Protein backbone atom coordinates (compact mmCIF):
# COMPACT_ATOMS: atom_id res chain seq x y z
CA MET A 1 168.59 255.36 -46.90
CA ASP A 2 170.32 254.14 -43.77
CA VAL A 3 174.06 253.58 -43.98
CA LEU A 4 175.58 251.36 -41.28
CA TYR A 5 179.25 251.05 -40.34
CA PHE A 6 180.69 248.11 -38.41
CA ALA A 7 183.96 247.27 -36.64
CA TRP A 8 186.96 249.38 -37.68
CA VAL A 9 184.89 251.14 -40.35
CA ARG A 10 182.69 252.54 -37.57
CA GLU A 11 185.76 253.45 -35.53
CA ARG A 12 187.32 255.42 -38.38
CA ILE A 13 184.14 257.24 -39.32
CA GLY A 14 183.09 257.78 -35.71
CA ILE A 15 179.42 256.85 -35.97
CA PRO A 16 177.58 253.52 -36.28
CA LYS A 17 174.76 254.70 -38.55
CA GLU A 18 173.48 257.65 -40.51
CA THR A 19 170.49 258.36 -42.70
CA LEU A 20 171.20 260.17 -45.93
CA THR A 21 169.81 261.12 -49.28
CA THR A 22 171.97 260.30 -52.26
CA GLU A 23 171.94 260.48 -56.01
CA ALA A 24 174.31 257.49 -56.19
CA LYS A 25 173.27 254.77 -58.62
CA THR A 26 175.56 252.06 -57.21
CA VAL A 27 177.31 251.27 -53.94
CA LYS A 28 180.57 252.36 -55.57
CA ASP A 29 179.02 255.75 -56.40
CA LEU A 30 177.86 256.06 -52.78
CA VAL A 31 181.38 255.34 -51.54
CA GLU A 32 182.75 258.07 -53.81
CA GLU A 33 180.19 260.54 -52.43
CA LEU A 34 181.08 259.60 -48.87
CA LYS A 35 184.81 259.91 -49.51
CA LEU A 36 184.28 263.51 -50.62
CA ARG A 37 182.42 264.46 -47.43
CA GLU A 38 185.29 264.42 -44.95
CA GLU A 39 188.76 262.97 -44.46
CA ARG A 40 187.49 260.34 -42.02
CA TYR A 41 185.35 258.82 -44.80
CA ALA A 42 188.23 258.97 -47.27
CA VAL A 43 190.40 257.05 -44.80
CA ALA A 44 187.73 254.45 -44.04
CA PHE A 45 187.07 253.79 -47.74
CA SER A 46 190.65 254.09 -49.01
CA ASP A 47 190.96 250.35 -49.72
CA LEU A 48 187.73 248.77 -50.92
CA SER A 49 189.38 245.35 -51.11
CA ALA A 50 189.42 245.44 -47.27
CA LEU A 51 185.66 245.97 -47.11
CA ARG A 52 182.47 244.02 -47.64
CA VAL A 53 179.04 245.47 -48.31
CA ALA A 54 175.46 244.36 -47.75
CA VAL A 55 172.45 245.96 -49.40
CA ASP A 56 169.17 245.42 -47.57
CA GLN A 57 170.95 242.74 -45.51
CA GLU A 58 172.16 240.75 -48.52
CA LEU A 59 175.89 240.46 -49.23
CA THR A 60 176.72 242.00 -52.58
CA ASP A 61 179.49 243.79 -54.43
CA PHE A 62 180.25 247.46 -54.93
CA ASP A 63 178.58 247.49 -58.35
CA ALA A 64 175.17 246.74 -56.81
CA ALA A 65 172.38 249.12 -57.77
CA LEU A 66 170.86 251.34 -55.10
CA ASP A 67 167.45 251.96 -56.67
CA GLY A 68 164.85 251.37 -53.96
CA VAL A 69 167.42 250.32 -51.37
CA ARG A 70 166.65 251.08 -47.72
CA GLU A 71 169.93 250.05 -46.08
CA VAL A 72 173.62 249.74 -46.97
CA ALA A 73 176.10 248.28 -44.49
CA PHE A 74 179.89 248.38 -44.66
CA PHE A 75 182.12 246.02 -42.66
CA PRO A 76 185.47 244.24 -42.82
CA PRO A 77 185.63 240.63 -44.03
CA MET A 78 184.57 238.16 -41.37
CA THR A 79 186.43 235.02 -40.49
CA GLY A 80 184.89 231.94 -39.02
CA GLY A 81 186.19 229.60 -36.44
């Protein structure tokens, strides 16, 4: 699956996108796997309340299932104006 990082999430992790294989069942499980990879991921995902997630380009929550998912994107909350 492709994992995309936007705004300060991308800055903290240092890459905009990566393709990975995971055994994670939910987005939350994926985040836990990523946090264990390196310190930069742990820092980026240290406060999930400061993040939003989209699965296959649909906004969702961190309990969303990953079965059959092609893309997960992480980004900070957006404000309109």
